[in-house]
Amino acid sequence: MDEETWKRVKNNAQDASDFLKALSHEGRLMILCSLAHGEKSVTELEHMLSSRQAAVSQQLARLRQERLISARRDGKQIFYSLTDDRARRIIEQVYELFCT
């Protein structure tokens, strides 16, 4: 690896590490897998994860903080969707490696 490439890798290592940490939680990974197939409400995600609203909300907050998902409100419900194509691409690879 030449020096220029190494500098670029070094400068992006923290961003890559933060991105991978966001994906490295089972609940967040399940949320991202679900959202890769389309927008979901908080209620749908709670049922899918068989988890309480507070726990799901905590994981959603982390994914929003990392800018991997976005939310929209429709009346009393909040819907989430993937906003980061890198996450979608990683999820597709994880699915292919572990779920097929």
PDB file of N, CA and C in Angstrom:
ATOM      1  N   MET A   1       0.847  -1.166   0.000  1.00  0.00           N
ATOM      2  CA  MET A   1       0.000   0.000   0.000  1.00  0.00           C
ATOM      3  C   MET A   1       0.898   1.236   0.000  1.00  0.00           C
ATOM      4  N   ASP A   2       0.642   2.139  -0.925  1.00  0.00           N
ATOM      5  CA  ASP A   2       1.470   3.342  -0.985  1.00  0.00           C
ATOM      6  C   ASP A   2       1.095   4.303   0.138  1.00  0.00           C
ATOM      7  N   GLU A   3       1.934   5.306   0.360  1.00  0.00           N
ATOM      8  CA  GLU A   3       1.759   6.231   1.475  1.00  0.00           C
ATOM      9  C   GLU A   3       0.458   7.011   1.375  1.00  0.00           C
ATOM     10  N   GLU A   4       0.094   7.425   0.181  1.00  0.00           N
ATOM     11  CA  GLU A   4      -1.152   8.181  -0.028  1.00  0.00           C
ATOM     12  C   GLU A   4      -2.374   7.345   0.363  1.00  0.00           C
ATOM     13  N   THR A   5      -2.390   6.103  -0.070  1.00  0.00           N
ATOM     14  CA  THR A   5      -3.495   5.200   0.274  1.00  0.00           C
ATOM     15  C   THR A   5      -3.536   4.963   1.770  1.00  0.00           C
ATOM     16  N   TRP A   6      -2.376   4.755   2.382  1.00  0.00           N
ATOM     17  CA  TRP A   6      -2.314   4.512   3.823  1.00  0.00           C
ATOM     18  C   TRP A   6      -2.873   5.699   4.606  1.00  0.00           C
ATOM     19  N   LYS A   7      -2.557   6.910   4.191  1.00  0.00           N
ATOM     20  CA  LYS A   7      -3.083   8.102   4.863  1.00  0.00           C
ATOM     21  C   LYS A   7      -4.604   8.149   4.766  1.00  0.00           C
ATOM     22  N   ARG A   8      -5.131   7.815   3.593  1.00  0.00           N
ATOM     23  CA  ARG A   8      -6.574   7.820   3.397  1.00  0.00           C
ATOM     24  C   ARG A   8      -7.235   6.771   4.299  1.00  0.00           C
ATOM     25  N   VAL A   9      -6.633   5.592   4.380  1.00  0.00           N
ATOM     26  CA  VAL A   9      -7.162   4.530   5.241  1.00  0.00           C
ATOM     27  C   VAL A   9      -7.127   4.974   6.698  1.00  0.00           C
ATOM     28  N   LYS A  10      -6.013   5.527   7.111  1.00  0.00           N
ATOM     29  CA  LYS A  10      -5.864   5.979   8.489  1.00  0.00           C
ATOM     30  C   LYS A  10      -6.886   7.063   8.832  1.00  0.00           C
ATOM     31  N   ASN A  11      -7.108   7.998   7.917  1.00  0.00           N
ATOM     32  CA  ASN A  11      -8.067   9.077   8.155  1.00  0.00           C
ATOM     33  C   ASN A  11      -9.498   8.568   8.248  1.00  0.00           C
ATOM     34  N   ASN A  12      -9.819   7.475   7.580  1.00  0.00           N
ATOM     35  CA  ASN A  12     -11.182   6.944   7.564  1.00  0.00           C
ATOM     36  C   ASN A  12     -11.410   5.812   8.552  1.00  0.00           C
ATOM     37  N   ALA A  13     -10.372   5.386   9.266  1.00  0.00           N
ATOM     38  CA  ALA A  13     -10.487   4.245  10.172  1.00  0.00           C
ATOM     39  C   ALA A  13     -11.501   4.496  11.281  1.00  0.00           C
ATOM     40  N   GLN A  14     -11.548   5.678  11.855  1.00  0.00           N
ATOM     41  CA  GLN A  14     -12.500   5.961  12.926  1.00  0.00           C
ATOM     42  C   GLN A  14     -13.928   5.908  12.422  1.00  0.00           C
ATOM     43  N   ASP A  15     -14.176   6.487  11.241  1.00  0.00           N
ATOM     44  CA  ASP A  15     -15.522   6.438  10.662  1.00  0.00           C
ATOM     45  C   ASP A  15     -15.943   4.991  10.416  1.00  0.00           C
ATOM     46  N   ALA A  16     -15.038   4.198   9.884  1.00  0.00           N
ATOM     47  CA  ALA A  16     -15.338   2.787   9.626  1.00  0.00           C
ATOM     48  C   ALA A  16     -15.607   2.042  10.924  1.00  0.00           C
ATOM     49  N   SER A  17     -14.817   2.318  11.939  1.00  0.00           N
ATOM     50  CA  SER A  17     -14.993   1.678  13.242  1.00  0.00           C
ATOM     51  C   SER A  17     -16.353   2.041  13.850  1.00  0.00           C
ATOM     52  N   ASP A  18     -16.729   3.309  13.811  1.00  0.00           N
ATOM     53  CA  ASP A  18     -18.020   3.740  14.341  1.00  0.00           C
ATOM     54  C   ASP A  18     -19.169   3.080  13.585  1.00  0.00           C
ATOM     55  N   PHE A  19     -19.050   3.008  12.275  1.00  0.00           N
ATOM     56  CA  PHE A  19     -20.067   2.378  11.430  1.00  0.00           C
ATOM     57  C   PHE A  19     -20.232   0.909  11.813  1.00  0.00           C
ATOM     58  N   LEU A  20     -19.123   0.193  11.941  1.00  0.00           N
ATOM     59  CA  LEU A  20     -19.186  -1.231  12.279  1.00  0.00           C
ATOM     60  C   LEU A  20     -19.694  -1.462  13.695  1.00  0.00           C
ATOM     61  N   LYS A  21     -19.373  -0.568  14.620  1.00  0.00           N
ATOM     62  CA  LYS A  21     -19.898  -0.686  15.986  1.00  0.00           C
ATOM     63  C   LYS A  21     -21.416  -0.549  15.987  1.00  0.00           C
ATOM     64  N   ALA A  22     -21.938   0.340  15.165  1.00  0.00           N
ATOM     65  CA  ALA A  22     -23.391   0.518  15.085  1.00  0.00           C
ATOM     66  C   ALA A  22     -24.064  -0.750  14.575  1.00  0.00           C
ATOM     67  N   LEU A  23     -23.391  -1.490  13.713  1.00  0.00           N
ATOM     68  CA  LEU A  23     -23.953  -2.720  13.158  1.00  0.00           C
ATOM     69  C   LEU A  23     -23.748  -3.931  14.064  1.00  0.00           C
ATOM     70  N   SER A  24     -22.873  -3.814  15.052  1.00  0.00           N
ATOM     71  CA  SER A  24     -22.420  -4.990  15.790  1.00  0.00           C
ATOM     72  C   SER A  24     -23.329  -5.420  16.939  1.00  0.00           C
ATOM     73  N   HIS A  25     -24.480  -4.839  17.079  1.00  0.00           N
ATOM     74  CA  HIS A  25     -25.443  -5.220  18.110  1.00  0.00           C
ATOM     75  C   HIS A  25     -26.548  -6.046  17.446  1.00  0.00           C
ATOM     76  N   GLU A  26     -26.899  -7.171  18.049  1.00  0.00           N
ATOM     77  CA  GLU A  26     -27.888  -8.073  17.453  1.00  0.00           C
ATOM     78  C   GLU A  26     -29.208  -7.368  17.148  1.00  0.00           C
ATOM     79  N   GLY A  27     -29.710  -6.581  18.081  1.00  0.00           N
ATOM     80  CA  GLY A  27     -30.973  -5.880  17.869  1.00  0.00           C
ATOM     81  C   GLY A  27     -30.892  -4.870  16.743  1.00  0.00           C
ATOM     82  N   ARG A  28     -29.812  -4.094  16.707  1.00  0.00           N
ATOM     83  CA  ARG A  28     -29.648  -3.108  15.627  1.00  0.00           C
ATOM     84  C   ARG A  28     -29.507  -3.804  14.284  1.00  0.00           C
ATOM     85  N   LEU A  29     -28.803  -4.912  14.270  1.00  0.00           N
ATOM     86  CA  LEU A  29     -28.635  -5.665  13.024  1.00  0.00           C
ATOM     87  C   LEU A  29     -29.988  -6.184  12.528  1.00  0.00           C
ATOM     88  N   MET A  30     -30.808  -6.683  13.444  1.00  0.00           N
ATOM     89  CA  MET A  30     -32.142  -7.157  13.068  1.00  0.00           C
ATOM     90  C   MET A  30     -33.010  -6.006  12.544  1.00  0.00           C
ATOM     91  N   ILE A  31     -32.906  -4.854  13.173  1.00  0.00           N
ATOM     92  CA  ILE A  31     -33.660  -3.686  12.703  1.00  0.00           C
ATOM     93  C   ILE A  31     -33.223  -3.329  11.294  1.00  0.00           C
ATOM     94  N   LEU A  32     -31.925  -3.263  11.072  1.00  0.00           N
ATOM     95  CA  LEU A  32     -31.422  -2.919   9.741  1.00  0.00           C
ATOM     96  C   LEU A  32     -31.830  -3.951   8.699  1.00  0.00           C
ATOM     97  N   CYS A  33     -31.803  -5.225   9.067  1.00  0.00           N
ATOM     98  CA  CYS A  33     -32.249  -6.281   8.138  1.00  0.00           C
ATOM     99  C   CYS A  33     -33.705  -6.064   7.748  1.00  0.00           C
ATOM    100  N   SER A  34     -34.527  -5.747   8.725  1.00  0.00           N
ATOM    101  CA  SER A  34     -35.936  -5.506   8.455  1.00  0.00           C
ATOM    102  C   SER A  34     -36.134  -4.279   7.576  1.00  0.00           C
ATOM    103  N   LEU A  35     -35.415  -3.205   7.892  1.00  0.00           N
ATOM    104  CA  LEU A  35     -35.561  -1.966   7.122  1.00  0.00           C
ATOM    105  C   LEU A  35     -34.990  -2.077   5.713  1.00  0.00           C
ATOM    106  N   ALA A  36     -34.098  -3.030   5.496  1.00  0.00           N
ATOM    107  CA  ALA A  36     -33.562  -3.243   4.144  1.00  0.00           C
ATOM    108  C   ALA A  36     -34.667  -3.701   3.197  1.00  0.00           C
ATOM    109  N   HIS A  37     -35.761  -4.218   3.764  1.00  0.00           N
ATOM    110  CA  HIS A  37     -36.896  -4.680   2.956  1.00  0.00           C
ATOM    111  C   HIS A  37     -38.010  -3.655   2.900  1.00  0.00           C
ATOM    112  N   GLY A  38     -37.784  -2.478   3.473  1.00  0.00           N
ATOM    113  CA  GLY A  38     -38.778  -1.416   3.397  1.00  0.00           C
ATOM    114  C   GLY A  38     -39.055  -0.777   4.742  1.00  0.00           C
ATOM    115  N   GLU A  39     -39.730   0.325   4.670  1.00  0.00           N
ATOM    116  CA  GLU A  39     -40.075   1.127   5.841  1.00  0.00           C
ATOM    117  C   GLU A  39     -40.924   0.313   6.827  1.00  0.00           C
ATOM    118  N   LYS A  40     -40.663   0.535   8.133  1.00  0.00           N
ATOM    119  CA  LYS A  40     -41.404  -0.170   9.186  1.00  0.00           C
ATOM    120  C   LYS A  40     -41.766   0.821  10.289  1.00  0.00           C
ATOM    121  N   SER A  41     -42.890   0.551  10.941  1.00  0.00           N
ATOM    122  CA  SER A  41     -43.279   1.351  12.099  1.00  0.00           C
ATOM    123  C   SER A  41     -42.561   0.822  13.332  1.00  0.00           C
ATOM    124  N   VAL A  42     -42.547   1.633  14.379  1.00  0.00           N
ATOM    125  CA  VAL A  42     -41.945   1.196  15.644  1.00  0.00           C
ATOM    126  C   VAL A  42     -42.671  -0.048  16.147  1.00  0.00           C
ATOM    127  N   THR A  43     -43.982  -0.066  16.036  1.00  0.00           N
ATOM    128  CA  THR A  43     -44.773  -1.216  16.490  1.00  0.00           C
ATOM    129  C   THR A  43     -44.364  -2.481  15.732  1.00  0.00           C
ATOM    130  N   GLU A  44     -44.202  -2.383  14.426  1.00  0.00           N
ATOM    131  CA  GLU A  44     -43.769  -3.544  13.634  1.00  0.00           C
ATOM    132  C   GLU A  44     -42.399  -4.035  14.093  1.00  0.00           C
ATOM    133  N   LEU A  45     -41.500  -3.100  14.355  1.00  0.00           N
ATOM    134  CA  LEU A  45     -40.160  -3.482  14.813  1.00  0.00           C
ATOM    135  C   LEU A  45     -40.201  -4.121  16.195  1.00  0.00           C
ATOM    136  N   GLU A  46     -41.049  -3.604  17.077  1.00  0.00           N
ATOM    137  CA  GLU A  46     -41.202  -4.196  18.415  1.00  0.00           C
ATOM    138  C   GLU A  46     -41.658  -5.648  18.307  1.00  0.00           C
ATOM    139  N   HIS A  47     -42.658  -5.901  17.470  1.00  0.00           N
ATOM    140  CA  HIS A  47     -43.173  -7.264  17.294  1.00  0.00           C
ATOM    141  C   HIS A  47     -42.113  -8.169  16.677  1.00  0.00           C
ATOM    142  N   MET A  48     -41.415  -7.664  15.689  1.00  0.00           N
ATOM    143  CA  MET A  48     -40.394  -8.458  15.015  1.00  0.00           C
ATOM    144  C   MET A  48     -39.297  -8.877  15.995  1.00  0.00           C
ATOM    145  N   LEU A  49     -38.890  -7.946  16.853  1.00  0.00           N
ATOM    146  CA  LEU A  49     -37.804  -8.224  17.806  1.00  0.00           C
ATOM    147  C   LEU A  49     -38.296  -8.877  19.097  1.00  0.00           C
ATOM    148  N   SER A  50     -39.623  -8.958  19.252  1.00  0.00           N
ATOM    149  CA  SER A  50     -40.212  -9.443  20.515  1.00  0.00           C
ATOM    150  C   SER A  50     -39.592  -8.698  21.691  1.00  0.00           C
ATOM    151  N   SER A  51     -39.590  -7.384  21.572  1.00  0.00           N
ATOM    152  CA  SER A  51     -38.921  -6.545  22.558  1.00  0.00           C
ATOM    153  C   SER A  51     -39.827  -5.393  22.964  1.00  0.00           C
ATOM    154  N   ARG A  52     -39.532  -4.829  24.125  1.00  0.00           N
ATOM    155  CA  ARG A  52     -40.289  -3.688  24.626  1.00  0.00           C
ATOM    156  C   ARG A  52     -39.964  -2.432  23.818  1.00  0.00           C
ATOM    157  N   GLN A  53     -40.900  -1.509  23.827  1.00  0.00           N
ATOM    158  CA  GLN A  53     -40.747  -0.256  23.079  1.00  0.00           C
ATOM    159  C   GLN A  53     -39.507   0.510  23.511  1.00  0.00           C
ATOM    160  N   ALA A  54     -39.205   0.533  24.797  1.00  0.00           N
ATOM    161  CA  ALA A  54     -38.051   1.291  25.288  1.00  0.00           C
ATOM    162  C   ALA A  54     -36.747   0.734  24.720  1.00  0.00           C
ATOM    163  N   ALA A  55     -36.636  -0.578  24.662  1.00  0.00           N
ATOM    164  CA  ALA A  55     -35.412  -1.202  24.140  1.00  0.00           C
ATOM    165  C   ALA A  55     -35.256  -0.943  22.642  1.00  0.00           C
ATOM    166  N   VAL A  56     -36.358  -1.058  21.913  1.00  0.00           N
ATOM    167  CA  VAL A  56     -36.322  -0.798  20.467  1.00  0.00           C
ATOM    168  C   VAL A  56     -35.983   0.668  20.208  1.00  0.00           C
ATOM    169  N   SER A  57     -36.597   1.562  20.963  1.00  0.00           N
ATOM    170  CA  SER A  57     -36.336   2.993  20.799  1.00  0.00           C
ATOM    171  C   SER A  57     -34.874   3.334  21.050  1.00  0.00           C
ATOM    172  N   GLN A  58     -34.272   2.667  22.022  1.00  0.00           N
ATOM    173  CA  GLN A  58     -32.853   2.899  22.305  1.00  0.00           C
ATOM    174  C   GLN A  58     -31.992   2.514  21.107  1.00  0.00           C
ATOM    175  N   GLN A  59     -32.301   1.382  20.500  1.00  0.00           N
ATOM    176  CA  GLN A  59     -31.518   0.943  19.336  1.00  0.00           C
ATOM    177  C   GLN A  59     -31.777   1.841  18.129  1.00  0.00           C
ATOM    178  N   LEU A  60     -33.010   2.258  17.960  1.00  0.00           N
ATOM    179  CA  LEU A  60     -33.334   3.177  16.864  1.00  0.00           C
ATOM    180  C   LEU A  60     -32.607   4.509  17.040  1.00  0.00           C
ATOM    181  N   ALA A  61     -32.525   4.981  18.273  1.00  0.00           N
ATOM    182  CA  ALA A  61     -31.822   6.240  18.539  1.00  0.00           C
ATOM    183  C   ALA A  61     -30.349   6.129  18.136  1.00  0.00           C
ATOM    184  N   ARG A  62     -29.729   5.003  18.450  1.00  0.00           N
ATOM    185  CA  ARG A  62     -28.321   4.819  18.075  1.00  0.00           C
ATOM    186  C   ARG A  62     -28.161   4.805  16.557  1.00  0.00           C
ATOM    187  N   LEU A  63     -29.060   4.120  15.862  1.00  0.00           N
ATOM    188  CA  LEU A  63     -28.990   4.073  14.398  1.00  0.00           C
ATOM    189  C   LEU A  63     -29.248   5.445  13.787  1.00  0.00           C
ATOM    190  N   ARG A  64     -30.134   6.223  14.390  1.00  0.00           N
ATOM    191  CA  ARG A  64     -30.371   7.591  13.913  1.00  0.00           C
ATOM    192  C   ARG A  64     -29.148   8.470  14.163  1.00  0.00           C
ATOM    193  N   GLN A  65     -28.531   8.299  15.325  1.00  0.00           N
ATOM    194  CA  GLN A  65     -27.326   9.063  15.668  1.00  0.00           C
ATOM    195  C   GLN A  65     -26.221   8.813  14.644  1.00  0.00           C
ATOM    196  N   GLU A  66     -26.128   7.590  14.186  1.00  0.00           N
ATOM    197  CA  GLU A  66     -25.113   7.224  13.185  1.00  0.00           C
ATOM    198  C   GLU A  66     -25.560   7.570  11.761  1.00  0.00           C
ATOM    199  N   ARG A  67     -26.772   8.120  11.650  1.00  0.00           N
ATOM    200  CA  ARG A  67     -27.347   8.527  10.356  1.00  0.00           C
ATOM    201  C   ARG A  67     -27.528   7.353   9.393  1.00  0.00           C
ATOM    202  N   LEU A  68     -27.836   6.187   9.956  1.00  0.00           N
ATOM    203  CA  LEU A  68     -28.084   5.008   9.128  1.00  0.00           C
ATOM    204  C   LEU A  68     -29.564   4.877   8.782  1.00  0.00           C
ATOM    205  N   ILE A  69     -30.418   5.473   9.611  1.00  0.00           N
ATOM    206  CA  ILE A  69     -31.858   5.432   9.378  1.00  0.00           C
ATOM    207  C   ILE A  69     -32.447   6.826   9.563  1.00  0.00           C
ATOM    208  N   SER A  70     -33.659   6.979   9.060  1.00  0.00           N
ATOM    209  CA  SER A  70     -34.392   8.230   9.281  1.00  0.00           C
ATOM    210  C   SER A  70     -35.814   7.882   9.700  1.00  0.00           C
ATOM    211  N   ALA A  71     -36.477   8.862  10.299  1.00  0.00           N
ATOM    212  CA  ALA A  71     -37.835   8.666  10.795  1.00  0.00           C
ATOM    213  C   ALA A  71     -38.774   9.665  10.139  1.00  0.00           C
ATOM    214  N   ARG A  72     -40.008   9.230  10.015  1.00  0.00           N
ATOM    215  CA  ARG A  72     -41.074  10.151   9.597  1.00  0.00           C
ATOM    216  C   ARG A  72     -42.312   9.829  10.417  1.00  0.00           C
ATOM    217  N   ARG A  73     -43.028  10.865  10.749  1.00  0.00           N
ATOM    218  CA  ARG A  73     -44.237  10.715  11.560  1.00  0.00           C
ATOM    219  C   ARG A  73     -45.452  10.754  10.647  1.00  0.00           C
ATOM    220  N   ASP A  74     -46.383   9.845  10.923  1.00  0.00           N
ATOM    221  CA  ASP A  74     -47.673   9.823  10.234  1.00  0.00           C
ATOM    222  C   ASP A  74     -48.735   9.685  11.321  1.00  0.00           C
ATOM    223  N   GLY A  75     -49.316  10.797  11.729  1.00  0.00           N
ATOM    224  CA  GLY A  75     -50.248  10.781  12.845  1.00  0.00           C
ATOM    225  C   GLY A  75     -49.502  10.453  14.125  1.00  0.00           C
ATOM    226  N   LYS A  76     -49.949   9.399  14.806  1.00  0.00           N
ATOM    227  CA  LYS A  76     -49.312   8.995  16.055  1.00  0.00           C
ATOM    228  C   LYS A  76     -48.176   7.996  15.841  1.00  0.00           C
ATOM    229  N   GLN A  77     -48.055   7.481  14.642  1.00  0.00           N
ATOM    230  CA  GLN A  77     -47.033   6.464  14.383  1.00  0.00           C
ATOM    231  C   GLN A  77     -45.780   7.073  13.781  1.00  0.00           C
ATOM    232  N   ILE A  78     -44.641   6.452  14.112  1.00  0.00           N
ATOM    233  CA  ILE A  78     -43.360   6.838  13.541  1.00  0.00           C
ATOM    234  C   ILE A  78     -42.865   5.673  12.695  1.00  0.00           C
ATOM    235  N   PHE A  79     -42.459   5.988  11.487  1.00  0.00           N
ATOM    236  CA  PHE A  79     -41.950   4.991  10.557  1.00  0.00           C
ATOM    237  C   PHE A  79     -40.470   5.236  10.321  1.00  0.00           C
ATOM    238  N   TYR A  80     -39.714   4.157  10.215  1.00  0.00           N
ATOM    239  CA  TYR A  80     -38.278   4.243  10.002  1.00  0.00           C
ATOM    240  C   TYR A  80     -37.904   3.611   8.673  1.00  0.00           C
ATOM    241  N   SER A  81     -36.844   4.150   8.082  1.00  0.00           N
ATOM    242  CA  SER A  81     -36.320   3.587   6.835  1.00  0.00           C
ATOM    243  C   SER A  81     -34.804   3.762   6.802  1.00  0.00           C
ATOM    244  N   LEU A  82     -34.168   2.921   6.009  1.00  0.00           N
ATOM    245  CA  LEU A  82     -32.716   3.025   5.821  1.00  0.00           C
ATOM    246  C   LEU A  82     -32.399   4.260   4.999  1.00  0.00           C
ATOM    247  N   THR A  83     -31.355   4.969   5.380  1.00  0.00           N
ATOM    248  CA  THR A  83     -30.940   6.144   4.612  1.00  0.00           C
ATOM    249  C   THR A  83     -29.505   6.020   4.113  1.00  0.00           C
ATOM    250  N   ASP A  84     -28.788   5.009   4.581  1.00  0.00           N
ATOM    251  CA  ASP A  84     -27.380   4.864   4.234  1.00  0.00           C
ATOM    252  C   ASP A  84     -27.201   3.624   3.356  1.00  0.00           C
ATOM    253  N   ASP A  85     -26.807   3.842   2.118  1.00  0.00           N
ATOM    254  CA  ASP A  85     -26.647   2.729   1.185  1.00  0.00           C
ATOM    255  C   ASP A  85     -25.546   1.766   1.632  1.00  0.00           C
ATOM    256  N   ARG A  86     -24.548   2.272   2.369  1.00  0.00           N
ATOM    257  CA  ARG A  86     -23.492   1.377   2.871  1.00  0.00           C
ATOM    258  C   ARG A  86     -24.093   0.322   3.792  1.00  0.00           C
ATOM    259  N   ALA A  87     -25.021   0.735   4.641  1.00  0.00           N
ATOM    260  CA  ALA A  87     -25.669  -0.210   5.550  1.00  0.00           C
ATOM    261  C   ALA A  87     -26.466  -1.242   4.760  1.00  0.00           C
ATOM    262  N   ARG A  88     -27.192  -0.799   3.751  1.00  0.00           N
ATOM    263  CA  ARG A  88     -27.964  -1.724   2.913  1.00  0.00           C
ATOM    264  C   ARG A  88     -27.045  -2.748   2.256  1.00  0.00           C
ATOM    265  N   ARG A  89     -25.922  -2.296   1.735  1.00  0.00           N
ATOM    266  CA  ARG A  89     -24.986  -3.206   1.062  1.00  0.00           C
ATOM    267  C   ARG A  89     -24.378  -4.207   2.036  1.00  0.00           C
ATOM    268  N   ILE A  90     -24.029  -3.744   3.230  1.00  0.00           N
ATOM    269  CA  ILE A  90     -23.470  -4.650   4.248  1.00  0.00           C
ATOM    270  C   ILE A  90     -24.526  -5.667   4.675  1.00  0.00           C
ATOM    271  N   ILE A  91     -25.751  -5.208   4.907  1.00  0.00           N
ATOM    272  CA  ILE A  91     -26.834  -6.103   5.323  1.00  0.00           C
ATOM    273  C   ILE A  91     -27.067  -7.174   4.262  1.00  0.00           C
ATOM    274  N   GLU A  92     -27.048  -6.789   2.999  1.00  0.00           N
ATOM    275  CA  GLU A  92     -27.216  -7.776   1.928  1.00  0.00           C
ATOM    276  C   GLU A  92     -26.120  -8.836   1.974  1.00  0.00           C
ATOM    277  N   GLN A  93     -24.891  -8.422   2.235  1.00  0.00           N
ATOM    278  CA  GLN A  93     -23.783  -9.373   2.338  1.00  0.00           C
ATOM    279  C   GLN A  93     -23.923 -10.268   3.555  1.00  0.00           C
ATOM    280  N   VAL A  94     -24.306  -9.682   4.696  1.00  0.00           N
ATOM    281  CA  VAL A  94     -24.496 -10.475   5.919  1.00  0.00           C
ATOM    282  C   VAL A  94     -25.603 -11.500   5.684  1.00  0.00           C
ATOM    283  N   TYR A  95     -26.680 -11.080   5.037  1.00  0.00           N
ATOM    284  CA  TYR A  95     -27.784 -11.990   4.745  1.00  0.00           C
ATOM    285  C   TYR A  95     -27.294 -13.147   3.883  1.00  0.00           C
ATOM    286  N   GLU A  96     -26.539 -12.818   2.849  1.00  0.00           N
ATOM    287  CA  GLU A  96     -26.023 -13.860   1.950  1.00  0.00           C
ATOM    288  C   GLU A  96     -25.096 -14.834   2.696  1.00  0.00           C
ATOM    289  N   LEU A  97     -24.276 -14.322   3.585  1.00  0.00           N
ATOM    290  CA  LEU A  97     -23.313 -15.171   4.303  1.00  0.00           C
ATOM    291  C   LEU A  97     -23.946 -15.998   5.422  1.00  0.00           C
ATOM    292  N   PHE A  98     -24.949 -15.440   6.101  1.00  0.00           N
ATOM    293  CA  PHE A  98     -25.475 -16.088   7.304  1.00  0.00           C
ATOM    294  C   PHE A  98     -26.904 -16.589   7.212  1.00  0.00           C
ATOM    295  N   CYS A  99     -27.653 -16.142   6.223  1.00  0.00           N
ATOM    296  CA  CYS A  99     -29.094 -16.444   6.215  1.00  0.00           C
ATOM    297  C   CYS A  99     -29.549 -17.250   5.015  1.00  0.00           C
ATOM    298  N   THR A 100     -28.674 -17.621   4.122  1.00  0.00           N
ATOM    299  CA  THR A 100     -29.094 -18.405   2.952  1.00  0.00           C
ATOM    300  C   THR A 100     -28.554 -19.803   3.022  1.00  0.00           C
TER     301      THR A 100
END
